[in-house]
Each structure stands twice: as structure tokens, then as C-alpha cells.
Amino acid sequence: MMYALTQISRWAIPALLFIIPLYAHLKKVSVYEVFVEGAQEGITTAVKILPYLVGMLIAISVFRASGAMDYLVGFLHPLTALLGIPGEVLPLAVMRPLSGSGALGITAELIHQYGPDSFIGRLASTMQGSTDTTFYVLTVYFGSVGIRKFRYAVAVGLIADVTSFIASVIICHLYFGG
């Protein structure tokens, strides 16, 4: 079984790279021209979302450098301690909706400091895999199509992040103790 999965994994992308152009050729699609057109649209989209990305990255940098994240984590620590949530993962819970790379850095620090098989390491890994970078997603996807009023998307995204965080804590307590 493992051999079959290994072979499928090894050949999946090369097969797709062969099958898709072959299918397009059979359907009389000009593959190269369509590819170039898509690349042009990609560059246009990248240029359109650049101001949104720069604004978001500056806001995240100011949030971390000002000490606001440390203050927020300190403020929440008494509540989370009552709920059995290690205070060490709070910076990850705060950073994950803001920045994927920042959250990955915090996850790597936690795993390096406490070990991958520790409760904190497992919880950090579960949180990293079960939540999303809400503000990045809103910035990139909404910005690329010109949506300026997010309406309920921010609230729903943050509710999903909090739900994922709580689920991560519960699942890790159930499966790994802690």
C-alpha cells in the first residue's frame, strides 16, 4: 500500500503536466497563448494587490514592535490559564490570523524550545494546520477583485479562527493529555 502511495505521489505532478496540455491540444486550445494570457493576468493582479499587502505588513510590524501583542497576551493569560491553555501558544493564536510567516516563525520557536512531542509543540502544530491567515486572505483575494468593503467577512473569518483555536486545544487535550 505504501509503495502505491509513494508512486502516486512521485508521478502525480508530472502526469498532470503531461495530461493537461494533451487534453488542451485535443480540444484545439492554443496552450501557449492561453498560458501567456494567464501570466499577464497574474502580473496585473499582483500589481493591484501590492498596496493592500504593504499596508497589512506594516500594520503587523507596528503591532509586534509596539508591544501590543505582548500586552494582549499578558491580558488574556489569566483567562487562558483557567481554561487549560498554555500561555506559550497565545502569541501564535494572535499572530495566525495576521501573518502566515510570522505564525510559522512562532510555531518553529515553540517546537524548538519545547520539542515536537511536547504538548505545546503538538498544540502549536495543530493550531498552525487548522487555522488560516484571515487578514492575508481578505487582503489578497478581496483586493485582487477590487472589493473594498469586507462587511461580515472579517468577523466570520475571526470566528472561524477562534473556533479552530478552541478545537485545537480540545483535540490536543483529548489525544495528547496536557
N, C-alpha and C. Protein backbone atom coordinates (compact mmCIF):
# COMPACT_ATOMS: atom_id res chain seq x y z
N MET A 1 0.82 -1.19 0.00
CA MET A 1 0.00 0.00 0.00
C MET A 1 0.87 1.27 0.00
N MET A 2 1.89 1.28 0.87
CA MET A 2 2.77 2.45 0.95
C MET A 2 3.52 2.64 -0.37
N TYR A 3 3.90 1.52 -1.02
CA TYR A 3 4.60 1.63 -2.30
C TYR A 3 3.71 2.31 -3.34
N ALA A 4 2.43 1.92 -3.36
CA ALA A 4 1.50 2.52 -4.32
C ALA A 4 1.33 4.02 -4.06
N LEU A 5 1.18 4.40 -2.78
CA LEU A 5 1.05 5.81 -2.46
C LEU A 5 2.31 6.59 -2.81
N THR A 6 3.46 5.99 -2.59
CA THR A 6 4.72 6.64 -2.94
C THR A 6 4.80 6.87 -4.45
N GLN A 7 4.41 5.88 -5.22
CA GLN A 7 4.46 6.01 -6.68
C GLN A 7 3.45 7.04 -7.18
N ILE A 8 2.27 7.05 -6.60
CA ILE A 8 1.27 8.06 -6.98
C ILE A 8 1.80 9.46 -6.67
N SER A 9 2.38 9.63 -5.47
CA SER A 9 2.94 10.92 -5.10
C SER A 9 4.06 11.34 -6.04
N ARG A 10 4.89 10.41 -6.41
CA ARG A 10 6.03 10.71 -7.26
C ARG A 10 5.60 11.13 -8.66
N TRP A 11 4.55 10.52 -9.19
CA TRP A 11 4.17 10.74 -10.58
C TRP A 11 2.97 11.66 -10.77
N ALA A 12 2.33 12.12 -9.71
CA ALA A 12 1.11 12.93 -9.84
C ALA A 12 1.36 14.23 -10.60
N ILE A 13 2.34 15.01 -10.20
CA ILE A 13 2.59 16.30 -10.86
C ILE A 13 3.11 16.13 -12.29
N PRO A 14 4.10 15.25 -12.52
CA PRO A 14 4.50 15.05 -13.93
C PRO A 14 3.34 14.58 -14.82
N ALA A 15 2.48 13.74 -14.28
CA ALA A 15 1.34 13.27 -15.07
C ALA A 15 0.40 14.43 -15.40
N LEU A 16 0.14 15.29 -14.42
CA LEU A 16 -0.72 16.44 -14.68
C LEU A 16 -0.08 17.39 -15.70
N LEU A 17 1.22 17.57 -15.59
CA LEU A 17 1.91 18.44 -16.54
C LEU A 17 1.89 17.88 -17.96
N PHE A 18 1.69 16.61 -18.09
CA PHE A 18 1.56 15.99 -19.41
C PHE A 18 0.10 15.94 -19.86
N ILE A 19 -0.79 15.56 -18.96
CA ILE A 19 -2.20 15.33 -19.31
C ILE A 19 -2.92 16.65 -19.65
N ILE A 20 -2.69 17.70 -18.89
CA ILE A 20 -3.42 18.96 -19.12
C ILE A 20 -3.11 19.55 -20.49
N PRO A 21 -1.83 19.70 -20.88
CA PRO A 21 -1.58 20.20 -22.24
C PRO A 21 -2.08 19.25 -23.33
N LEU A 22 -2.00 17.95 -23.08
CA LEU A 22 -2.50 16.99 -24.06
C LEU A 22 -4.01 17.16 -24.24
N TYR A 23 -4.74 17.27 -23.15
CA TYR A 23 -6.18 17.47 -23.21
C TYR A 23 -6.51 18.78 -23.93
N ALA A 24 -5.77 19.84 -23.60
CA ALA A 24 -5.99 21.13 -24.26
C ALA A 24 -5.73 21.02 -25.76
N HIS A 25 -4.70 20.31 -26.14
CA HIS A 25 -4.38 20.12 -27.56
C HIS A 25 -5.51 19.38 -28.27
N LEU A 26 -6.02 18.35 -27.62
CA LEU A 26 -7.12 17.59 -28.21
C LEU A 26 -8.38 18.43 -28.36
N LYS A 27 -8.57 19.40 -27.46
CA LYS A 27 -9.73 20.30 -27.53
C LYS A 27 -9.45 21.52 -28.41
N LYS A 28 -8.32 21.52 -29.08
CA LYS A 28 -7.93 22.60 -30.00
C LYS A 28 -7.73 23.94 -29.29
N VAL A 29 -7.21 23.89 -28.07
CA VAL A 29 -6.90 25.09 -27.31
C VAL A 29 -5.43 25.44 -27.55
N SER A 30 -5.17 26.68 -27.82
CA SER A 30 -3.80 27.14 -28.02
C SER A 30 -3.14 27.29 -26.65
N VAL A 31 -2.44 26.27 -26.22
CA VAL A 31 -1.92 26.18 -24.86
C VAL A 31 -0.98 27.33 -24.53
N TYR A 32 -0.03 27.61 -25.38
CA TYR A 32 0.96 28.64 -25.09
C TYR A 32 0.32 30.02 -24.97
N GLU A 33 -0.56 30.37 -25.89
CA GLU A 33 -1.21 31.67 -25.85
C GLU A 33 -2.08 31.83 -24.60
N VAL A 34 -2.79 30.77 -24.24
CA VAL A 34 -3.63 30.82 -23.04
C VAL A 34 -2.75 30.95 -21.79
N PHE A 35 -1.61 30.26 -21.79
CA PHE A 35 -0.68 30.35 -20.67
C PHE A 35 -0.16 31.79 -20.52
N VAL A 36 0.26 32.38 -21.62
CA VAL A 36 0.79 33.75 -21.59
C VAL A 36 -0.29 34.73 -21.14
N GLU A 37 -1.51 34.54 -21.61
CA GLU A 37 -2.62 35.40 -21.19
C GLU A 37 -2.86 35.29 -19.68
N GLY A 38 -2.82 34.08 -19.17
CA GLY A 38 -2.98 33.87 -17.73
C GLY A 38 -1.85 34.50 -16.93
N ALA A 39 -0.62 34.41 -17.45
CA ALA A 39 0.52 35.02 -16.78
C ALA A 39 0.36 36.54 -16.73
N GLN A 40 -0.13 37.13 -17.80
CA GLN A 40 -0.36 38.58 -17.82
C GLN A 40 -1.41 38.97 -16.78
N GLU A 41 -2.47 38.20 -16.68
CA GLU A 41 -3.49 38.48 -15.68
C GLU A 41 -2.92 38.35 -14.26
N GLY A 42 -2.04 37.37 -14.07
CA GLY A 42 -1.40 37.18 -12.76
C GLY A 42 -0.56 38.37 -12.37
N ILE A 43 0.20 38.92 -13.32
CA ILE A 43 1.03 40.09 -13.04
C ILE A 43 0.14 41.29 -12.73
N THR A 44 -0.93 41.46 -13.47
CA THR A 44 -1.86 42.56 -13.21
C THR A 44 -2.47 42.44 -11.82
N THR A 45 -2.85 41.24 -11.45
CA THR A 45 -3.42 41.01 -10.12
C THR A 45 -2.39 41.32 -9.03
N ALA A 46 -1.16 40.88 -9.23
CA ALA A 46 -0.10 41.13 -8.25
C ALA A 46 0.12 42.62 -8.04
N VAL A 47 0.10 43.39 -9.12
CA VAL A 47 0.28 44.84 -9.01
C VAL A 47 -0.91 45.47 -8.29
N LYS A 48 -2.12 44.98 -8.56
CA LYS A 48 -3.32 45.53 -7.91
C LYS A 48 -3.33 45.31 -6.41
N ILE A 49 -2.84 44.15 -5.94
CA ILE A 49 -2.93 43.84 -4.51
C ILE A 49 -1.72 44.34 -3.72
N LEU A 50 -0.69 44.83 -4.39
CA LEU A 50 0.52 45.27 -3.70
C LEU A 50 0.26 46.31 -2.61
N PRO A 51 -0.53 47.36 -2.86
CA PRO A 51 -0.79 48.33 -1.77
C PRO A 51 -1.46 47.69 -0.55
N TYR A 52 -2.36 46.75 -0.77
CA TYR A 52 -3.02 46.08 0.34
C TYR A 52 -2.02 45.26 1.16
N LEU A 53 -1.12 44.55 0.46
CA LEU A 53 -0.12 43.74 1.15
C LEU A 53 0.84 44.60 1.95
N VAL A 54 1.30 45.69 1.36
CA VAL A 54 2.22 46.58 2.06
C VAL A 54 1.55 47.14 3.31
N GLY A 55 0.32 47.58 3.19
CA GLY A 55 -0.41 48.10 4.35
C GLY A 55 -0.55 47.06 5.44
N MET A 56 -0.88 45.84 5.07
CA MET A 56 -1.06 44.79 6.05
C MET A 56 0.27 44.46 6.74
N LEU A 57 1.35 44.36 5.98
CA LEU A 57 2.65 44.03 6.56
C LEU A 57 3.13 45.13 7.51
N ILE A 58 2.88 46.38 7.16
CA ILE A 58 3.26 47.49 8.05
C ILE A 58 2.44 47.43 9.34
N ALA A 59 1.16 47.18 9.22
CA ALA A 59 0.31 47.10 10.41
C ALA A 59 0.76 45.97 11.34
N ILE A 60 1.12 44.82 10.79
CA ILE A 60 1.59 43.69 11.60
C ILE A 60 2.90 44.06 12.29
N SER A 61 3.80 44.70 11.56
CA SER A 61 5.08 45.09 12.14
C SER A 61 4.88 46.07 13.29
N VAL A 62 4.00 47.03 13.11
CA VAL A 62 3.72 48.01 14.17
C VAL A 62 3.10 47.30 15.37
N PHE A 63 2.19 46.37 15.14
CA PHE A 63 1.53 45.62 16.21
C PHE A 63 2.54 44.87 17.06
N ARG A 64 3.49 44.21 16.41
CA ARG A 64 4.50 43.44 17.16
C ARG A 64 5.53 44.35 17.81
N ALA A 65 6.04 45.33 17.06
CA ALA A 65 7.12 46.18 17.57
C ALA A 65 6.65 47.09 18.70
N SER A 66 5.40 47.46 18.71
CA SER A 66 4.89 48.37 19.75
C SER A 66 4.70 47.68 21.09
N GLY A 67 4.74 46.36 21.09
CA GLY A 67 4.49 45.62 22.33
C GLY A 67 3.03 45.33 22.56
N ALA A 68 2.17 45.70 21.59
CA ALA A 68 0.74 45.47 21.74
C ALA A 68 0.42 43.97 21.84
N MET A 69 1.16 43.14 21.09
CA MET A 69 0.89 41.71 21.16
C MET A 69 1.25 41.17 22.54
N ASP A 70 2.38 41.59 23.10
CA ASP A 70 2.77 41.15 24.43
C ASP A 70 1.74 41.59 25.48
N TYR A 71 1.25 42.82 25.33
CA TYR A 71 0.24 43.33 26.26
C TYR A 71 -1.05 42.49 26.16
N LEU A 72 -1.48 42.19 24.94
CA LEU A 72 -2.69 41.40 24.73
C LEU A 72 -2.55 40.00 25.31
N VAL A 73 -1.38 39.38 25.07
CA VAL A 73 -1.13 38.04 25.60
C VAL A 73 -1.13 38.07 27.12
N GLY A 74 -0.50 39.07 27.72
CA GLY A 74 -0.49 39.21 29.17
C GLY A 74 -1.88 39.42 29.74
N PHE A 75 -2.68 40.18 29.03
CA PHE A 75 -4.06 40.45 29.46
C PHE A 75 -4.90 39.17 29.43
N LEU A 76 -4.71 38.34 28.41
CA LEU A 76 -5.51 37.12 28.24
C LEU A 76 -5.00 35.95 29.07
N HIS A 77 -3.77 36.00 29.55
CA HIS A 77 -3.16 34.85 30.22
C HIS A 77 -3.96 34.32 31.42
N PRO A 78 -4.49 35.16 32.31
CA PRO A 78 -5.26 34.60 33.43
C PRO A 78 -6.48 33.79 32.98
N LEU A 79 -7.15 34.26 31.97
CA LEU A 79 -8.32 33.54 31.45
C LEU A 79 -7.91 32.22 30.81
N THR A 80 -6.89 32.26 30.00
CA THR A 80 -6.47 31.04 29.30
C THR A 80 -5.89 30.01 30.26
N ALA A 81 -5.25 30.46 31.34
CA ALA A 81 -4.72 29.53 32.33
C ALA A 81 -5.86 28.75 33.00
N LEU A 82 -6.97 29.44 33.25
CA LEU A 82 -8.15 28.76 33.82
C LEU A 82 -8.71 27.70 32.88
N LEU A 83 -8.59 27.94 31.58
CA LEU A 83 -9.15 27.03 30.58
C LEU A 83 -8.18 25.93 30.17
N GLY A 84 -6.99 25.90 30.76
CA GLY A 84 -6.02 24.86 30.43
C GLY A 84 -5.27 25.11 29.14
N ILE A 85 -5.20 26.37 28.73
CA ILE A 85 -4.49 26.72 27.50
C ILE A 85 -3.12 27.27 27.90
N PRO A 86 -2.05 26.63 27.44
CA PRO A 86 -0.71 27.14 27.79
C PRO A 86 -0.51 28.56 27.26
N GLY A 87 -0.01 29.43 28.09
CA GLY A 87 0.24 30.82 27.70
C GLY A 87 1.25 30.94 26.57
N GLU A 88 2.10 29.94 26.43
CA GLU A 88 3.13 29.98 25.39
C GLU A 88 2.56 29.99 23.98
N VAL A 89 1.35 29.46 23.79
CA VAL A 89 0.76 29.40 22.44
C VAL A 89 -0.09 30.62 22.12
N LEU A 90 -0.29 31.51 23.09
CA LEU A 90 -1.13 32.69 22.83
C LEU A 90 -0.56 33.59 21.73
N PRO A 91 0.76 33.84 21.69
CA PRO A 91 1.26 34.65 20.57
C PRO A 91 0.94 34.03 19.21
N LEU A 92 0.98 32.70 19.13
CA LEU A 92 0.62 32.03 17.88
C LEU A 92 -0.85 32.23 17.56
N ALA A 93 -1.71 32.14 18.57
CA ALA A 93 -3.14 32.34 18.35
C ALA A 93 -3.44 33.76 17.87
N VAL A 94 -2.68 34.73 18.37
CA VAL A 94 -2.88 36.11 17.96
C VAL A 94 -2.29 36.36 16.57
N MET A 95 -1.12 35.78 16.30
CA MET A 95 -0.42 36.06 15.04
C MET A 95 -1.01 35.31 13.85
N ARG A 96 -1.57 34.13 14.07
CA ARG A 96 -2.01 33.29 12.95
C ARG A 96 -3.01 33.99 12.02
N PRO A 97 -4.01 34.72 12.52
CA PRO A 97 -4.92 35.41 11.59
C PRO A 97 -4.25 36.55 10.83
N LEU A 98 -3.11 37.02 11.32
CA LEU A 98 -2.46 38.17 10.72
C LEU A 98 -1.41 37.81 9.67
N SER A 99 -0.54 36.85 10.00
CA SER A 99 0.60 36.58 9.15
C SER A 99 0.98 35.11 9.18
N GLY A 100 0.98 34.49 8.03
CA GLY A 100 1.38 33.08 7.94
C GLY A 100 2.84 32.88 8.27
N SER A 101 3.70 33.74 7.74
CA SER A 101 5.13 33.59 8.01
C SER A 101 5.46 33.92 9.46
N GLY A 102 4.81 34.93 10.02
CA GLY A 102 5.00 35.25 11.44
C GLY A 102 4.55 34.10 12.33
N ALA A 103 3.40 33.52 11.99
CA ALA A 103 2.88 32.39 12.76
C ALA A 103 3.79 31.17 12.62
N LEU A 104 4.30 30.94 11.43
CA LEU A 104 5.21 29.81 11.22
C LEU A 104 6.48 30.00 12.04
N GLY A 105 6.97 31.24 12.11
CA GLY A 105 8.15 31.52 12.93
C GLY A 105 7.89 31.24 14.40
N ILE A 106 6.73 31.64 14.89
CA ILE A 106 6.38 31.37 16.29
C ILE A 106 6.24 29.88 16.53
N THR A 107 5.60 29.17 15.59
CA THR A 107 5.46 27.72 15.71
C THR A 107 6.83 27.05 15.76
N ALA A 108 7.73 27.47 14.88
CA ALA A 108 9.09 26.89 14.85
C ALA A 108 9.81 27.15 16.17
N GLU A 109 9.66 28.36 16.73
CA GLU A 109 10.28 28.68 18.02
C GLU A 109 9.74 27.79 19.13
N LEU A 110 8.40 27.61 19.15
CA LEU A 110 7.79 26.77 20.18
C LEU A 110 8.26 25.32 20.07
N ILE A 111 8.32 24.81 18.86
CA ILE A 111 8.77 23.42 18.66
C ILE A 111 10.23 23.28 19.03
N HIS A 112 11.05 24.27 18.67
CA HIS A 112 12.47 24.21 19.02
C HIS A 112 12.66 24.28 20.53
N GLN A 113 11.90 25.14 21.20
CA GLN A 113 12.05 25.33 22.63
C GLN A 113 11.49 24.17 23.45
N TYR A 114 10.32 23.67 23.07
CA TYR A 114 9.64 22.66 23.89
C TYR A 114 9.69 21.26 23.30
N GLY A 115 10.06 21.14 22.04
CA GLY A 115 10.14 19.84 21.39
C GLY A 115 8.86 19.51 20.62
N PRO A 116 9.00 18.75 19.54
CA PRO A 116 7.84 18.44 18.71
C PRO A 116 6.85 17.48 19.37
N ASP A 117 7.31 16.70 20.34
CA ASP A 117 6.42 15.74 21.00
C ASP A 117 5.86 16.25 22.32
N SER A 118 6.17 17.51 22.66
CA SER A 118 5.60 18.10 23.87
C SER A 118 4.16 18.52 23.59
N PHE A 119 3.41 18.76 24.65
CA PHE A 119 2.04 19.21 24.46
C PHE A 119 2.01 20.55 23.72
N ILE A 120 2.90 21.45 24.10
CA ILE A 120 2.94 22.77 23.45
C ILE A 120 3.33 22.63 21.98
N GLY A 121 4.29 21.77 21.67
CA GLY A 121 4.68 21.55 20.27
C GLY A 121 3.55 20.97 19.45
N ARG A 122 2.85 20.01 20.01
CA ARG A 122 1.73 19.40 19.29
C ARG A 122 0.57 20.38 19.13
N LEU A 123 0.31 21.16 20.17
CA LEU A 123 -0.77 22.15 20.09
C LEU A 123 -0.43 23.23 19.06
N ALA A 124 0.81 23.69 19.07
CA ALA A 124 1.23 24.70 18.09
C ALA A 124 1.11 24.15 16.67
N SER A 125 1.50 22.92 16.46
CA SER A 125 1.40 22.31 15.13
C SER A 125 -0.05 22.17 14.70
N THR A 126 -0.91 21.76 15.62
CA THR A 126 -2.33 21.61 15.31
C THR A 126 -2.96 22.96 14.99
N MET A 127 -2.61 23.97 15.77
CA MET A 127 -3.13 25.31 15.51
C MET A 127 -2.65 25.83 14.16
N GLN A 128 -1.38 25.60 13.86
CA GLN A 128 -0.81 26.07 12.58
C GLN A 128 -1.55 25.44 11.40
N GLY A 129 -1.91 24.18 11.55
CA GLY A 129 -2.57 23.47 10.44
C GLY A 129 -4.07 23.65 10.36
N SER A 130 -4.69 24.14 11.43
CA SER A 130 -6.16 24.18 11.42
C SER A 130 -6.74 25.59 11.31
N THR A 131 -5.90 26.60 11.33
CA THR A 131 -6.41 27.96 11.20
C THR A 131 -5.86 28.58 9.92
N ASP A 132 -6.34 29.75 9.60
CA ASP A 132 -5.90 30.40 8.37
C ASP A 132 -5.49 31.84 8.66
N THR A 133 -4.81 32.43 7.73
CA THR A 133 -4.38 33.83 7.85
C THR A 133 -5.50 34.71 7.31
N THR A 134 -6.47 34.96 8.16
CA THR A 134 -7.69 35.65 7.77
C THR A 134 -7.43 36.98 7.08
N PHE A 135 -6.61 37.82 7.69
CA PHE A 135 -6.40 39.15 7.12
C PHE A 135 -5.61 39.09 5.81
N TYR A 136 -4.68 38.14 5.70
CA TYR A 136 -3.96 37.96 4.45
C TYR A 136 -4.91 37.51 3.34
N VAL A 137 -5.77 36.55 3.66
CA VAL A 137 -6.73 36.05 2.67
C VAL A 137 -7.66 37.18 2.22
N LEU A 138 -8.17 37.95 3.18
CA LEU A 138 -9.05 39.05 2.81
C LEU A 138 -8.31 40.09 1.98
N THR A 139 -7.08 40.38 2.36
CA THR A 139 -6.29 41.38 1.63
C THR A 139 -6.03 40.93 0.20
N VAL A 140 -5.55 39.71 0.05
CA VAL A 140 -5.17 39.23 -1.28
C VAL A 140 -6.39 38.98 -2.15
N TYR A 141 -7.34 38.19 -1.66
CA TYR A 141 -8.45 37.80 -2.51
C TYR A 141 -9.44 38.93 -2.74
N PHE A 142 -9.78 39.65 -1.69
CA PHE A 142 -10.69 40.76 -1.88
C PHE A 142 -10.03 41.89 -2.65
N GLY A 143 -8.76 42.15 -2.33
CA GLY A 143 -8.03 43.20 -3.03
C GLY A 143 -7.83 42.90 -4.50
N SER A 144 -7.65 41.63 -4.85
CA SER A 144 -7.40 41.28 -6.25
C SER A 144 -8.62 41.48 -7.14
N VAL A 145 -9.81 41.46 -6.55
CA VAL A 145 -11.02 41.68 -7.35
C VAL A 145 -11.66 43.03 -7.05
N GLY A 146 -10.98 43.85 -6.24
CA GLY A 146 -11.43 45.22 -6.02
C GLY A 146 -12.51 45.40 -4.97
N ILE A 147 -12.71 44.42 -4.09
CA ILE A 147 -13.71 44.58 -3.03
C ILE A 147 -13.07 45.41 -1.92
N ARG A 148 -13.70 46.51 -1.56
CA ARG A 148 -13.14 47.39 -0.54
C ARG A 148 -13.92 47.31 0.78
N LYS A 149 -15.15 46.90 0.74
CA LYS A 149 -15.96 46.78 1.95
C LYS A 149 -16.09 45.29 2.29
N PHE A 150 -15.41 44.87 3.35
CA PHE A 150 -15.37 43.46 3.71
C PHE A 150 -16.64 42.99 4.41
N ARG A 151 -17.42 43.92 4.91
CA ARG A 151 -18.67 43.67 5.62
C ARG A 151 -18.51 42.64 6.71
N TYR A 152 -19.07 41.47 6.58
CA TYR A 152 -19.03 40.46 7.63
C TYR A 152 -17.87 39.48 7.48
N ALA A 153 -17.10 39.60 6.43
CA ALA A 153 -16.04 38.63 6.17
C ALA A 153 -14.99 38.61 7.28
N VAL A 154 -14.63 39.76 7.82
CA VAL A 154 -13.64 39.81 8.89
C VAL A 154 -14.18 39.10 10.13
N ALA A 155 -15.40 39.41 10.51
CA ALA A 155 -15.99 38.79 11.70
C ALA A 155 -16.11 37.28 11.54
N VAL A 156 -16.57 36.83 10.40
CA VAL A 156 -16.72 35.39 10.16
C VAL A 156 -15.35 34.71 10.15
N GLY A 157 -14.38 35.34 9.52
CA GLY A 157 -13.03 34.77 9.49
C GLY A 157 -12.44 34.65 10.88
N LEU A 158 -12.61 35.68 11.70
CA LEU A 158 -12.08 35.64 13.06
C LEU A 158 -12.83 34.63 13.93
N ILE A 159 -14.13 34.51 13.72
CA ILE A 159 -14.90 33.48 14.45
C ILE A 159 -14.39 32.09 14.08
N ALA A 160 -14.10 31.89 12.80
CA ALA A 160 -13.55 30.60 12.36
C ALA A 160 -12.18 30.36 12.99
N ASP A 161 -11.36 31.40 13.09
CA ASP A 161 -10.05 31.25 13.72
C ASP A 161 -10.16 30.89 15.20
N VAL A 162 -11.05 31.57 15.91
CA VAL A 162 -11.25 31.28 17.34
C VAL A 162 -11.79 29.85 17.51
N THR A 163 -12.72 29.46 16.66
CA THR A 163 -13.27 28.11 16.71
C THR A 163 -12.18 27.08 16.47
N SER A 164 -11.33 27.32 15.50
CA SER A 164 -10.23 26.40 15.21
C SER A 164 -9.24 26.33 16.37
N PHE A 165 -8.98 27.49 16.98
CA PHE A 165 -8.08 27.52 18.14
C PHE A 165 -8.65 26.68 19.28
N ILE A 166 -9.92 26.88 19.59
CA ILE A 166 -10.57 26.12 20.67
C ILE A 166 -10.60 24.63 20.34
N ALA A 167 -10.93 24.30 19.10
CA ALA A 167 -10.94 22.89 18.69
C ALA A 167 -9.55 22.28 18.80
N SER A 168 -8.52 23.03 18.44
CA SER A 168 -7.15 22.53 18.56
C SER A 168 -6.81 22.20 20.00
N VAL A 169 -7.18 23.10 20.91
CA VAL A 169 -6.91 22.88 22.33
C VAL A 169 -7.65 21.64 22.83
N ILE A 170 -8.93 21.53 22.50
CA ILE A 170 -9.73 20.39 22.97
C ILE A 170 -9.18 19.08 22.40
N ILE A 171 -8.91 19.07 21.10
CA ILE A 171 -8.40 17.83 20.46
C ILE A 171 -7.06 17.44 21.04
N CYS A 172 -6.17 18.41 21.24
CA CYS A 172 -4.86 18.07 21.80
C CYS A 172 -4.98 17.59 23.24
N HIS A 173 -5.90 18.15 24.02
CA HIS A 173 -6.10 17.65 25.37
C HIS A 173 -6.66 16.23 25.34
N LEU A 174 -7.56 15.96 24.42
CA LEU A 174 -8.14 14.61 24.34
C LEU A 174 -7.13 13.57 23.88
N TYR A 175 -6.34 13.89 22.88
CA TYR A 175 -5.42 12.90 22.29
C TYR A 175 -4.05 12.85 22.95
N PHE A 176 -3.57 13.98 23.46
CA PHE A 176 -2.21 14.01 23.96
C PHE A 176 -2.12 14.30 25.45
N GLY A 177 -3.26 14.54 26.11
CA GLY A 177 -3.22 14.92 27.51
C GLY A 177 -2.65 16.31 27.65
N GLY A 178 -2.35 16.73 28.81
CA GLY A 178 -1.72 18.04 28.93
C GLY A 178 -2.32 18.81 29.97
